[in-house]
Every structure is written in C-alpha cells, then in structure tokens.
Amino acid sequence: MPGLSEAWIEEGRASLLPITMTAEFEGELLSMPWVVSTLDWARLKPTAPLNRARATGEQVLQWAKRTAIGACTHMALRFNAKKPCLLVSVEDGLRYLDELFEESPGVRFCFGVDVADGKVRPHYDAVLQYGTGHLLVASALPA
C-alpha cells in the first residue's frame, strides 16, 4: 500500500483496520457465489454496474448512495487476505479508488464500515467490486 495510502495514514485521513477484520471479510467473500475471479452478481442483489469511464466524480458518488456501501460513513479497501484493510471515508475511497489500488492490480473488493464515537462497525455484506475495467458493482441497499 505505498503511495497515497501511506500519505493518508500519516495525515490521519486513513487508518489500517485490525487484520482480524480482513480475515472476517475474507470469510464473507468466500461464502458468496463466484464466477472465475469475480463475484457472481447475477446470484446476488447488485445495483446496476456503473461505468466510471463515462461518469464524473459526482455521478459516482450519486450512484453509490443507492448502494449498501454508500449508506456507510466509511469503506475498507481489501488489498489481499494477508494485509490489513485500509479505512477511508466513502467519498475519499470512491474518488481515489484508482490511486489507492494502483499498486494492487486486478479485481479488488471493499466493504462498508460505520465509524461513530470511536467505534468501528463493519458491514461485510456491503460489498463493492472494483478492477473489472471501468466497472463498479456493489451490493444493493437492504429492502
């Protein structure tokens, strides 16, 4: 996680979550249906995928408000199963996904987190998939 992630941690704009949360999210991901290296969104309840190549930053944020992760205050970026997730605000995470994941190419996943009164509450079912071209796919808001 070199580069922007490290700078943000030093500035207090981001932090690393306990590795136990990475392991818990990994378990949640592995329990979901898969097709090759991506989640099988046809068997989940996704929102419509968003093509970021045709969207402004503001349009990405508006799209996210209709997703489970967008309903959270923060998001955790998962780099791999052995590294702690990076905690950032949803707005920062969505605006800077490319830069935050630039050292970790391929399909990546994030989950929603609410932070209040110093307590971190993960929402492992609020999933966002990144890294399949310009597409973002995320869990729908609960009904």
N, C-alpha and C. Protein backbone atom coordinates (compact mmCIF):
# COMPACT_ATOMS: atom_id res chain seq x y z
N MET A 1 0.81 -1.19 0.00
CA MET A 1 0.00 0.00 0.00
C MET A 1 0.85 1.26 0.00
N PRO A 2 1.86 1.32 -0.83
CA PRO A 2 2.69 2.52 -0.85
C PRO A 2 1.95 3.68 -1.49
N GLY A 3 2.55 4.85 -1.42
CA GLY A 3 1.99 6.00 -2.10
C GLY A 3 0.91 6.70 -1.32
N LEU A 4 -0.23 6.90 -1.97
CA LEU A 4 -1.32 7.67 -1.38
C LEU A 4 -1.78 7.09 -0.05
N SER A 5 -1.88 5.78 0.06
CA SER A 5 -2.34 5.16 1.31
C SER A 5 -1.45 5.56 2.48
N GLU A 6 -0.15 5.44 2.29
CA GLU A 6 0.80 5.79 3.35
C GLU A 6 0.69 7.26 3.73
N ALA A 7 0.58 8.12 2.73
CA ALA A 7 0.46 9.56 2.98
C ALA A 7 -0.81 9.85 3.79
N TRP A 8 -1.90 9.22 3.40
CA TRP A 8 -3.15 9.45 4.11
C TRP A 8 -3.10 8.93 5.54
N ILE A 9 -2.44 7.82 5.76
CA ILE A 9 -2.30 7.30 7.13
C ILE A 9 -1.51 8.30 7.97
N GLU A 10 -0.40 8.79 7.42
CA GLU A 10 0.41 9.78 8.14
C GLU A 10 -0.38 11.04 8.45
N GLU A 11 -1.26 11.45 7.54
CA GLU A 11 -2.07 12.66 7.73
C GLU A 11 -3.28 12.43 8.63
N GLY A 12 -3.58 11.18 8.94
CA GLY A 12 -4.77 10.87 9.73
C GLY A 12 -6.03 10.80 8.90
N ARG A 13 -5.88 10.80 7.60
CA ARG A 13 -7.03 10.75 6.68
C ARG A 13 -7.50 9.31 6.44
N ALA A 14 -6.64 8.35 6.80
CA ALA A 14 -6.93 6.92 6.64
C ALA A 14 -6.28 6.18 7.80
N SER A 15 -6.72 4.95 8.01
CA SER A 15 -6.09 4.11 9.02
C SER A 15 -6.19 2.65 8.59
N LEU A 16 -5.41 1.82 9.23
CA LEU A 16 -5.45 0.39 8.95
C LEU A 16 -6.36 -0.28 9.97
N LEU A 17 -7.21 -1.17 9.49
CA LEU A 17 -8.10 -1.92 10.37
C LEU A 17 -7.35 -3.14 10.91
N PRO A 18 -7.82 -3.70 12.02
CA PRO A 18 -7.19 -4.92 12.54
C PRO A 18 -7.25 -6.03 11.48
N ILE A 19 -6.21 -6.83 11.41
CA ILE A 19 -6.13 -7.92 10.43
C ILE A 19 -7.29 -8.90 10.62
N THR A 20 -7.85 -8.96 11.81
CA THR A 20 -9.00 -9.85 12.04
C THR A 20 -10.18 -9.45 11.17
N MET A 21 -10.32 -8.16 10.90
CA MET A 21 -11.42 -7.72 10.03
C MET A 21 -11.18 -8.16 8.59
N THR A 22 -9.92 -8.17 8.16
CA THR A 22 -9.59 -8.67 6.83
C THR A 22 -9.99 -10.14 6.74
N ALA A 23 -9.65 -10.91 7.78
CA ALA A 23 -9.97 -12.35 7.79
C ALA A 23 -11.48 -12.57 7.81
N GLU A 24 -12.20 -11.78 8.58
CA GLU A 24 -13.67 -11.92 8.64
C GLU A 24 -14.29 -11.59 7.28
N PHE A 25 -13.80 -10.53 6.64
CA PHE A 25 -14.32 -10.17 5.31
C PHE A 25 -13.97 -11.25 4.30
N GLU A 26 -12.77 -11.80 4.41
CA GLU A 26 -12.36 -12.88 3.51
C GLU A 26 -13.34 -14.05 3.63
N GLY A 27 -13.71 -14.39 4.85
CA GLY A 27 -14.68 -15.46 5.06
C GLY A 27 -16.02 -15.15 4.42
N GLU A 28 -16.45 -13.91 4.55
CA GLU A 28 -17.71 -13.48 3.94
C GLU A 28 -17.62 -13.58 2.41
N LEU A 29 -16.52 -13.11 1.84
CA LEU A 29 -16.34 -13.19 0.39
C LEU A 29 -16.36 -14.63 -0.10
N LEU A 30 -15.68 -15.50 0.61
CA LEU A 30 -15.59 -16.90 0.18
C LEU A 30 -16.93 -17.62 0.29
N SER A 31 -17.84 -17.10 1.11
CA SER A 31 -19.16 -17.72 1.25
C SER A 31 -20.13 -17.27 0.15
N MET A 32 -19.73 -16.28 -0.62
CA MET A 32 -20.59 -15.75 -1.69
C MET A 32 -20.37 -16.55 -2.98
N PRO A 33 -21.34 -16.50 -3.89
CA PRO A 33 -21.16 -17.21 -5.18
C PRO A 33 -20.14 -16.49 -6.06
N TRP A 34 -19.33 -17.29 -6.75
CA TRP A 34 -18.26 -16.76 -7.61
C TRP A 34 -18.38 -17.28 -9.03
N VAL A 35 -17.86 -16.50 -9.97
CA VAL A 35 -17.67 -16.90 -11.36
C VAL A 35 -16.23 -16.50 -11.68
N VAL A 36 -15.39 -17.48 -11.84
CA VAL A 36 -13.96 -17.28 -12.09
C VAL A 36 -13.38 -16.39 -10.99
N SER A 37 -12.95 -15.16 -11.30
CA SER A 37 -12.30 -14.31 -10.28
C SER A 37 -13.17 -13.15 -9.81
N THR A 38 -14.46 -13.20 -10.09
CA THR A 38 -15.36 -12.14 -9.63
C THR A 38 -16.56 -12.76 -8.93
N LEU A 39 -17.24 -11.95 -8.16
CA LEU A 39 -18.48 -12.41 -7.55
C LEU A 39 -19.51 -12.65 -8.64
N ASP A 40 -20.37 -13.62 -8.43
CA ASP A 40 -21.46 -13.90 -9.37
C ASP A 40 -22.62 -12.98 -9.02
N TRP A 41 -22.54 -11.76 -9.53
CA TRP A 41 -23.54 -10.75 -9.19
C TRP A 41 -24.94 -11.12 -9.65
N ALA A 42 -25.07 -12.00 -10.63
CA ALA A 42 -26.39 -12.44 -11.07
C ALA A 42 -27.10 -13.21 -9.95
N ARG A 43 -26.34 -13.81 -9.05
CA ARG A 43 -26.93 -14.57 -7.95
C ARG A 43 -26.98 -13.75 -6.67
N LEU A 44 -26.48 -12.54 -6.70
CA LEU A 44 -26.55 -11.62 -5.56
C LEU A 44 -27.55 -10.53 -5.90
N LYS A 45 -27.71 -9.56 -5.01
CA LYS A 45 -28.61 -8.45 -5.29
C LYS A 45 -27.78 -7.20 -5.54
N PRO A 46 -27.28 -7.03 -6.77
CA PRO A 46 -26.45 -5.86 -7.05
C PRO A 46 -27.26 -4.65 -7.46
N THR A 47 -26.60 -3.55 -7.47
CA THR A 47 -27.15 -2.38 -8.15
C THR A 47 -26.73 -2.54 -9.60
N ALA A 48 -27.16 -1.66 -10.44
CA ALA A 48 -26.67 -1.68 -11.81
C ALA A 48 -25.19 -1.32 -11.78
N PRO A 49 -24.38 -2.00 -12.54
CA PRO A 49 -22.97 -1.63 -12.58
C PRO A 49 -22.82 -0.20 -13.09
N LEU A 50 -21.79 0.45 -12.66
CA LEU A 50 -21.52 1.81 -13.11
C LEU A 50 -20.23 1.81 -13.93
N ASN A 51 -20.30 2.36 -15.13
CA ASN A 51 -19.11 2.52 -15.95
C ASN A 51 -18.48 3.86 -15.57
N ARG A 52 -17.39 3.81 -14.81
CA ARG A 52 -16.74 5.02 -14.33
C ARG A 52 -16.10 5.83 -15.44
N ALA A 53 -15.82 5.21 -16.57
CA ALA A 53 -15.20 5.94 -17.68
C ALA A 53 -16.13 7.02 -18.21
N ARG A 54 -17.42 6.83 -18.05
CA ARG A 54 -18.40 7.79 -18.57
C ARG A 54 -19.04 8.62 -17.46
N ALA A 55 -18.51 8.50 -16.22
CA ALA A 55 -19.12 9.18 -15.09
C ALA A 55 -18.17 10.20 -14.47
N THR A 56 -18.73 11.29 -14.02
CA THR A 56 -17.95 12.27 -13.27
C THR A 56 -17.81 11.77 -11.83
N GLY A 57 -16.93 12.37 -11.08
CA GLY A 57 -16.80 12.02 -9.67
C GLY A 57 -18.10 12.18 -8.92
N GLU A 58 -18.84 13.22 -9.23
CA GLU A 58 -20.13 13.45 -8.57
C GLU A 58 -21.14 12.37 -8.95
N GLN A 59 -21.13 11.92 -10.19
CA GLN A 59 -22.05 10.85 -10.61
C GLN A 59 -21.72 9.54 -9.90
N VAL A 60 -20.43 9.27 -9.68
CA VAL A 60 -20.03 8.06 -8.94
C VAL A 60 -20.59 8.14 -7.52
N LEU A 61 -20.47 9.30 -6.88
CA LEU A 61 -20.98 9.46 -5.51
C LEU A 61 -22.50 9.33 -5.47
N GLN A 62 -23.19 9.87 -6.46
CA GLN A 62 -24.65 9.74 -6.51
C GLN A 62 -25.05 8.28 -6.70
N TRP A 63 -24.35 7.56 -7.57
CA TRP A 63 -24.60 6.13 -7.77
C TRP A 63 -24.40 5.38 -6.46
N ALA A 64 -23.33 5.70 -5.76
CA ALA A 64 -23.01 4.99 -4.51
C ALA A 64 -24.09 5.16 -3.45
N LYS A 65 -24.78 6.27 -3.46
CA LYS A 65 -25.84 6.50 -2.46
C LYS A 65 -26.97 5.48 -2.59
N ARG A 66 -27.05 4.81 -3.73
CA ARG A 66 -28.07 3.79 -3.93
C ARG A 66 -27.54 2.39 -3.61
N THR A 67 -26.36 2.32 -3.01
CA THR A 67 -25.75 1.04 -2.67
C THR A 67 -25.58 0.91 -1.16
N ALA A 68 -25.37 -0.31 -0.71
CA ALA A 68 -25.17 -0.55 0.72
C ALA A 68 -23.90 0.12 1.23
N ILE A 69 -22.83 0.08 0.45
CA ILE A 69 -21.58 0.71 0.90
C ILE A 69 -21.72 2.22 0.96
N GLY A 70 -22.50 2.80 0.06
CA GLY A 70 -22.72 4.24 0.05
C GLY A 70 -23.55 4.73 1.22
N ALA A 71 -24.24 3.81 1.90
CA ALA A 71 -25.02 4.18 3.08
C ALA A 71 -24.15 4.21 4.34
N CYS A 72 -22.90 3.79 4.22
CA CYS A 72 -21.97 3.77 5.35
C CYS A 72 -21.16 5.07 5.39
N THR A 73 -20.56 5.34 6.54
CA THR A 73 -19.71 6.52 6.66
C THR A 73 -18.33 6.30 6.04
N HIS A 74 -17.86 5.05 6.08
CA HIS A 74 -16.52 4.73 5.62
C HIS A 74 -16.54 3.45 4.78
N MET A 75 -15.41 3.19 4.15
CA MET A 75 -15.25 1.94 3.42
C MET A 75 -13.86 1.39 3.71
N ALA A 76 -13.75 0.08 3.66
CA ALA A 76 -12.48 -0.59 3.87
C ALA A 76 -12.03 -1.19 2.55
N LEU A 77 -10.82 -0.88 2.14
CA LEU A 77 -10.26 -1.40 0.91
C LEU A 77 -9.42 -2.63 1.22
N ARG A 78 -9.76 -3.74 0.58
CA ARG A 78 -9.06 -5.01 0.80
C ARG A 78 -8.03 -5.18 -0.31
N PHE A 79 -6.77 -5.27 0.10
CA PHE A 79 -5.68 -5.44 -0.87
C PHE A 79 -5.43 -6.91 -1.13
N ASN A 80 -5.38 -7.70 -0.09
CA ASN A 80 -5.31 -9.16 -0.18
C ASN A 80 -5.59 -9.74 1.19
N ALA A 81 -5.65 -11.05 1.28
CA ALA A 81 -6.06 -11.71 2.52
C ALA A 81 -5.04 -11.56 3.64
N LYS A 82 -3.82 -11.18 3.34
CA LYS A 82 -2.77 -11.13 4.34
C LYS A 82 -2.42 -9.72 4.82
N LYS A 83 -3.06 -8.71 4.24
CA LYS A 83 -2.79 -7.32 4.63
C LYS A 83 -4.01 -6.72 5.31
N PRO A 84 -3.78 -5.82 6.24
CA PRO A 84 -4.93 -5.14 6.85
C PRO A 84 -5.64 -4.26 5.82
N CYS A 85 -6.93 -4.14 5.96
CA CYS A 85 -7.71 -3.27 5.08
C CYS A 85 -7.45 -1.81 5.44
N LEU A 86 -7.55 -0.95 4.44
CA LEU A 86 -7.38 0.48 4.63
C LEU A 86 -8.75 1.12 4.82
N LEU A 87 -8.93 1.86 5.90
CA LEU A 87 -10.19 2.52 6.22
C LEU A 87 -10.12 3.97 5.77
N VAL A 88 -11.08 4.37 4.92
CA VAL A 88 -11.18 5.75 4.42
C VAL A 88 -12.65 6.13 4.38
N SER A 89 -12.93 7.41 4.27
CA SER A 89 -14.32 7.83 4.09
C SER A 89 -14.82 7.29 2.76
N VAL A 90 -16.12 7.07 2.67
CA VAL A 90 -16.69 6.58 1.41
C VAL A 90 -16.37 7.55 0.28
N GLU A 91 -16.51 8.83 0.54
CA GLU A 91 -16.25 9.82 -0.52
C GLU A 91 -14.81 9.76 -0.99
N ASP A 92 -13.86 9.74 -0.07
CA ASP A 92 -12.44 9.66 -0.46
C ASP A 92 -12.16 8.35 -1.20
N GLY A 93 -12.68 7.26 -0.68
CA GLY A 93 -12.44 5.96 -1.29
C GLY A 93 -12.93 5.90 -2.72
N LEU A 94 -14.13 6.39 -2.95
CA LEU A 94 -14.70 6.34 -4.30
C LEU A 94 -13.99 7.30 -5.25
N ARG A 95 -13.61 8.46 -4.76
CA ARG A 95 -12.94 9.44 -5.61
C ARG A 95 -11.52 9.00 -6.00
N TYR A 96 -10.88 8.20 -5.13
CA TYR A 96 -9.47 7.86 -5.35
C TYR A 96 -9.23 6.35 -5.43
N LEU A 97 -10.20 5.59 -5.88
CA LEU A 97 -10.02 4.13 -5.99
C LEU A 97 -8.80 3.77 -6.84
N ASP A 98 -8.65 4.40 -7.98
CA ASP A 98 -7.53 4.06 -8.86
C ASP A 98 -6.19 4.30 -8.17
N GLU A 99 -6.05 5.43 -7.52
CA GLU A 99 -4.80 5.76 -6.86
C GLU A 99 -4.55 4.86 -5.65
N LEU A 100 -5.58 4.55 -4.91
CA LEU A 100 -5.42 3.72 -3.72
C LEU A 100 -5.08 2.28 -4.07
N PHE A 101 -5.60 1.79 -5.18
CA PHE A 101 -5.34 0.42 -5.60
C PHE A 101 -4.25 0.31 -6.67
N GLU A 102 -3.56 1.39 -7.00
CA GLU A 102 -2.63 1.35 -8.13
C GLU A 102 -1.50 0.34 -7.96
N GLU A 103 -1.11 0.00 -6.75
CA GLU A 103 -0.06 -0.99 -6.52
C GLU A 103 -0.63 -2.40 -6.39
N SER A 104 -1.94 -2.54 -6.51
CA SER A 104 -2.61 -3.84 -6.36
C SER A 104 -3.56 -4.06 -7.53
N PRO A 105 -3.03 -4.38 -8.70
CA PRO A 105 -3.89 -4.54 -9.87
C PRO A 105 -4.80 -5.77 -9.75
N GLY A 106 -5.82 -5.78 -10.56
CA GLY A 106 -6.75 -6.91 -10.58
C GLY A 106 -8.04 -6.57 -9.87
N VAL A 107 -8.88 -7.58 -9.75
CA VAL A 107 -10.17 -7.40 -9.09
C VAL A 107 -9.94 -7.21 -7.60
N ARG A 108 -10.55 -6.18 -7.05
CA ARG A 108 -10.41 -5.87 -5.63
C ARG A 108 -11.80 -5.66 -5.04
N PHE A 109 -11.87 -5.82 -3.72
CA PHE A 109 -13.15 -5.70 -3.03
C PHE A 109 -13.02 -4.75 -1.85
N CYS A 110 -14.13 -4.09 -1.56
CA CYS A 110 -14.23 -3.18 -0.42
C CYS A 110 -15.49 -3.55 0.34
N PHE A 111 -15.55 -3.14 1.61
CA PHE A 111 -16.78 -3.32 2.37
C PHE A 111 -17.07 -2.04 3.15
N GLY A 112 -18.33 -1.87 3.49
CA GLY A 112 -18.77 -0.69 4.21
C GLY A 112 -18.44 -0.78 5.69
N VAL A 113 -18.21 0.39 6.27
CA VAL A 113 -17.89 0.49 7.69
C VAL A 113 -18.56 1.75 8.22
N ASP A 114 -19.17 1.64 9.39
CA ASP A 114 -19.66 2.83 10.08
C ASP A 114 -18.74 3.11 11.25
N VAL A 115 -18.34 4.36 11.38
CA VAL A 115 -17.48 4.79 12.48
C VAL A 115 -18.24 5.87 13.24
N ALA A 116 -18.45 5.63 14.53
CA ALA A 116 -19.15 6.60 15.38
C ALA A 116 -18.64 6.45 16.81
N ASP A 117 -18.37 7.57 17.43
CA ASP A 117 -17.90 7.58 18.81
C ASP A 117 -16.68 6.68 19.00
N GLY A 118 -15.80 6.67 18.02
CA GLY A 118 -14.57 5.89 18.11
C GLY A 118 -14.76 4.40 17.91
N LYS A 119 -15.98 3.97 17.61
CA LYS A 119 -16.24 2.55 17.39
C LYS A 119 -16.37 2.26 15.90
N VAL A 120 -15.78 1.16 15.49
CA VAL A 120 -15.79 0.74 14.09
C VAL A 120 -16.73 -0.44 13.95
N ARG A 121 -17.75 -0.28 13.10
CA ARG A 121 -18.71 -1.36 12.88
C ARG A 121 -18.70 -1.76 11.41
N PRO A 122 -18.09 -2.93 11.11
CA PRO A 122 -18.02 -3.36 9.72
C PRO A 122 -19.36 -3.90 9.22
N HIS A 123 -19.58 -3.72 7.93
CA HIS A 123 -20.75 -4.27 7.24
C HIS A 123 -20.21 -5.10 6.08
N TYR A 124 -19.88 -6.35 6.38
CA TYR A 124 -19.23 -7.21 5.38
C TYR A 124 -20.14 -7.54 4.20
N ASP A 125 -21.45 -7.34 4.37
CA ASP A 125 -22.38 -7.60 3.28
C ASP A 125 -22.55 -6.38 2.36
N ALA A 126 -21.96 -5.26 2.73
CA ALA A 126 -21.99 -4.05 1.90
C ALA A 126 -20.72 -4.07 1.04
N VAL A 127 -20.78 -4.80 -0.05
CA VAL A 127 -19.60 -5.10 -0.87
C VAL A 127 -19.56 -4.23 -2.12
N LEU A 128 -18.35 -3.81 -2.46
CA LEU A 128 -18.11 -3.12 -3.71
C LEU A 128 -16.99 -3.86 -4.43
N GLN A 129 -17.20 -4.15 -5.71
CA GLN A 129 -16.18 -4.80 -6.53
C GLN A 129 -15.60 -3.78 -7.49
N TYR A 130 -14.26 -3.76 -7.55
CA TYR A 130 -13.51 -2.81 -8.37
C TYR A 130 -12.46 -3.59 -9.15
N GLY A 131 -12.12 -3.11 -10.32
CA GLY A 131 -10.99 -3.69 -11.03
C GLY A 131 -11.35 -4.51 -12.25
N THR A 132 -12.61 -4.49 -12.65
CA THR A 132 -13.00 -5.17 -13.88
C THR A 132 -13.23 -4.08 -14.93
N GLY A 133 -12.14 -3.58 -15.46
CA GLY A 133 -12.20 -2.45 -16.39
C GLY A 133 -12.64 -1.20 -15.66
N HIS A 134 -13.58 -0.51 -16.22
CA HIS A 134 -14.09 0.72 -15.60
C HIS A 134 -15.36 0.47 -14.79
N LEU A 135 -15.73 -0.78 -14.60
CA LEU A 135 -16.99 -1.07 -13.92
C LEU A 135 -16.85 -1.13 -12.41
N LEU A 136 -17.84 -0.57 -11.73
CA LEU A 136 -18.02 -0.76 -10.29
C LEU A 136 -19.33 -1.52 -10.14
N VAL A 137 -19.35 -2.49 -9.24
CA VAL A 137 -20.58 -3.20 -8.92
C VAL A 137 -20.65 -3.26 -7.40
N ALA A 138 -21.84 -3.04 -6.85
CA ALA A 138 -21.97 -3.01 -5.40
C ALA A 138 -23.27 -3.66 -4.95
N SER A 139 -23.26 -4.10 -3.70
CA SER A 139 -24.48 -4.65 -3.07
C SER A 139 -25.54 -3.56 -3.03
N ALA A 140 -26.77 -3.97 -3.26
CA ALA A 140 -27.90 -3.05 -3.19
C ALA A 140 -28.19 -2.68 -1.74
N LEU A 141 -28.87 -1.59 -1.54
CA LEU A 141 -29.35 -1.23 -0.20
C LEU A 141 -30.32 -2.31 0.26
N PRO A 142 -30.32 -2.63 1.54
CA PRO A 142 -31.30 -3.62 2.04
C PRO A 142 -32.72 -3.10 1.81
N ALA A 143 -33.60 -4.03 1.53
CA ALA A 143 -35.01 -3.68 1.27
C ALA A 143 -35.71 -3.25 2.55
